[in-house]
Amino acid sequence: MPNEPNAKLFLERALRLRCPECGESHIFAPLRDTRTLSQWMHPLDSCPRCGYRYEREAGYFLLATWALNYGIVGGLGLLAAFYAEWVWHPPLWKTLLCVAIPVVVSNFLFVRHSKALFLAFDHYIDPHVKAGK
């Protein structure tokens, strides 16, 4: 079966922010064309090359935002705070300052990848492609 889903291929495409179906087109607007925070955070409607729709329904990326983005970045921030407390014992305000700012910045930087990873995972589990493909 030549069109069998390939998890490694979907993961590679997600990390490169490419369409999970064709792997050619970008999921998000290119950085040179990004002018607003909304353009940074929201994917295109569909793949310009193969027509694959990125957002199946309203709220489709909520799990990607909450579980992947906030969960991973927040979890890593919490681990960093515990590690800093365990090793250096800084005052609470220094720990919060040194962890909270990178966590907020990391959330903005990782939001695209969390949505791409969610899209790739969903496409691997439940592909929604046209019957003729």
Protein backbone atom coordinates (compact mmCIF):
# COMPACT_ATOMS: atom_id res chain seq x y z
CA MET A 1 0.00 0.00 0.00
CA PRO A 2 1.92 3.10 -1.19
CA ASN A 3 -0.15 5.76 0.63
CA GLU A 4 0.19 4.25 4.10
CA PRO A 5 0.62 7.00 6.75
CA ASN A 6 4.20 7.54 7.83
CA ALA A 7 4.56 9.08 11.32
CA LYS A 8 8.21 10.02 10.84
CA LEU A 9 7.45 11.81 7.57
CA PHE A 10 4.55 13.74 9.17
CA LEU A 11 6.76 14.70 12.13
CA GLU A 12 9.51 15.98 9.80
CA ARG A 13 6.98 18.00 7.83
CA ALA A 14 5.52 19.47 11.03
CA LEU A 15 8.92 20.51 12.34
CA ARG A 16 9.59 22.25 9.02
CA LEU A 17 6.10 23.86 9.21
CA ARG A 18 5.03 22.23 5.94
CA CYS A 19 1.74 20.78 4.77
CA PRO A 20 1.27 17.27 6.22
CA GLU A 21 -0.26 16.00 2.97
CA CYS A 22 2.17 17.19 0.27
CA GLY A 23 5.09 18.48 2.38
CA GLU A 24 5.75 21.30 -0.08
CA SER A 25 3.82 24.40 1.00
CA HIS A 26 4.11 26.33 4.24
CA ILE A 27 1.35 25.97 6.83
CA PHE A 28 1.84 29.59 7.93
CA ALA A 29 2.56 32.77 6.00
CA PRO A 30 6.31 33.16 5.44
CA LEU A 31 8.11 35.33 7.99
CA ARG A 32 8.84 38.04 5.41
CA ASP A 33 5.07 38.39 4.81
CA THR A 34 4.06 38.27 8.48
CA ARG A 35 2.99 41.72 9.65
CA THR A 36 0.70 41.04 12.62
CA LEU A 37 0.58 38.74 15.60
CA SER A 38 -2.54 37.15 14.14
CA GLN A 39 -0.67 36.22 10.96
CA TRP A 40 2.09 34.75 13.11
CA MET A 41 -0.27 32.58 15.16
CA HIS A 42 -2.90 31.47 12.63
CA PRO A 43 -2.22 29.06 9.78
CA LEU A 44 -3.32 29.63 6.22
CA ASP A 45 -6.79 28.33 5.30
CA SER A 46 -5.45 25.51 3.16
CA CYS A 47 -2.41 24.33 1.25
CA PRO A 48 -1.98 26.34 -1.96
CA ARG A 49 -0.50 23.30 -3.72
CA CYS A 50 -2.71 20.34 -2.78
CA GLY A 51 -5.75 22.08 -1.27
CA TYR A 52 -5.49 20.31 2.11
CA ARG A 53 -7.59 22.26 4.66
CA TYR A 54 -5.60 23.02 7.78
CA GLU A 55 -8.46 23.91 10.10
CA ARG A 56 -11.32 21.41 10.00
CA GLU A 57 -13.69 23.40 12.20
CA ALA A 58 -13.83 26.37 14.53
CA GLY A 59 -11.71 25.73 17.61
CA TYR A 60 -9.72 22.99 15.88
CA PHE A 61 -6.39 24.19 17.25
CA LEU A 62 -7.52 24.71 20.87
CA LEU A 63 -5.99 21.42 21.97
CA ALA A 64 -2.76 22.32 20.18
CA THR A 65 -2.65 25.67 21.95
CA TRP A 66 -3.53 24.43 25.42
CA ALA A 67 -2.03 20.96 25.60
CA LEU A 68 0.99 21.20 23.35
CA ASN A 69 2.01 24.82 23.49
CA TYR A 70 1.13 25.80 27.05
CA GLY A 71 1.67 22.29 28.42
CA ILE A 72 5.13 21.75 27.01
CA VAL A 73 6.44 25.28 27.46
CA GLY A 74 4.84 25.67 30.89
CA GLY A 75 6.09 22.24 31.97
CA LEU A 76 9.63 23.06 30.89
CA GLY A 77 9.39 26.41 32.68
CA LEU A 78 8.22 24.68 35.84
CA LEU A 79 11.08 22.18 35.61
CA ALA A 80 13.54 25.06 35.12
CA ALA A 81 12.14 26.84 38.19
CA PHE A 82 12.41 23.69 40.31
CA TYR A 83 15.94 23.07 39.06
CA ALA A 84 17.01 26.65 39.80
CA GLU A 85 15.52 26.41 43.28
CA TRP A 86 17.18 23.07 43.91
CA VAL A 87 20.65 24.11 42.69
CA TRP A 88 20.99 27.84 43.42
CA HIS A 89 18.21 28.69 45.94
CA PRO A 90 17.50 32.17 44.50
CA PRO A 91 14.82 34.41 45.99
CA LEU A 92 11.33 33.77 44.64
CA TRP A 93 11.18 37.02 42.67
CA LYS A 94 14.40 36.14 40.81
CA THR A 95 13.12 32.67 40.02
CA LEU A 96 9.84 34.07 38.71
CA LEU A 97 11.59 36.75 36.68
CA CYS A 98 14.14 34.36 35.17
CA VAL A 99 11.51 31.75 34.30
CA ALA A 100 8.36 33.74 33.53
CA ILE A 101 9.86 35.96 30.83
CA PRO A 102 11.41 33.08 28.82
CA VAL A 103 8.17 31.08 29.18
CA VAL A 104 6.06 33.91 27.74
CA VAL A 105 8.51 34.47 24.87
CA SER A 106 8.77 30.72 24.22
CA ASN A 107 4.99 30.44 23.98
CA PHE A 108 4.99 32.90 21.09
CA LEU A 109 7.91 31.17 19.40
CA PHE A 110 6.52 27.62 19.80
CA VAL A 111 2.88 28.33 18.85
CA ARG A 112 3.47 27.62 15.16
CA HIS A 113 5.23 24.34 15.82
CA SER A 114 2.60 23.18 18.31
CA LYS A 115 -0.14 23.73 15.72
CA ALA A 116 1.92 22.04 13.01
CA LEU A 117 2.62 19.05 15.26
CA PHE A 118 -1.06 18.80 16.18
CA LEU A 119 -2.03 18.98 12.51
CA ALA A 120 0.50 16.28 11.59
CA PHE A 121 -0.63 14.02 14.44
CA ASP A 122 -4.28 14.48 13.51
CA HIS A 123 -3.53 13.82 9.84
CA TYR A 124 -1.66 10.65 10.79
CA ILE A 125 -4.53 9.35 12.95
CA ASP A 126 -7.46 10.60 10.86
CA PRO A 127 -6.47 11.86 7.39
CA HIS A 128 -9.14 13.90 5.66
CA VAL A 129 -8.18 13.92 2.02
CA LYS A 130 -10.38 13.82 -1.05
CA ALA A 131 -11.45 10.34 -2.23
CA GLY A 132 -9.74 10.80 -5.60
CA LYS A 133 -6.26 11.12 -4.04
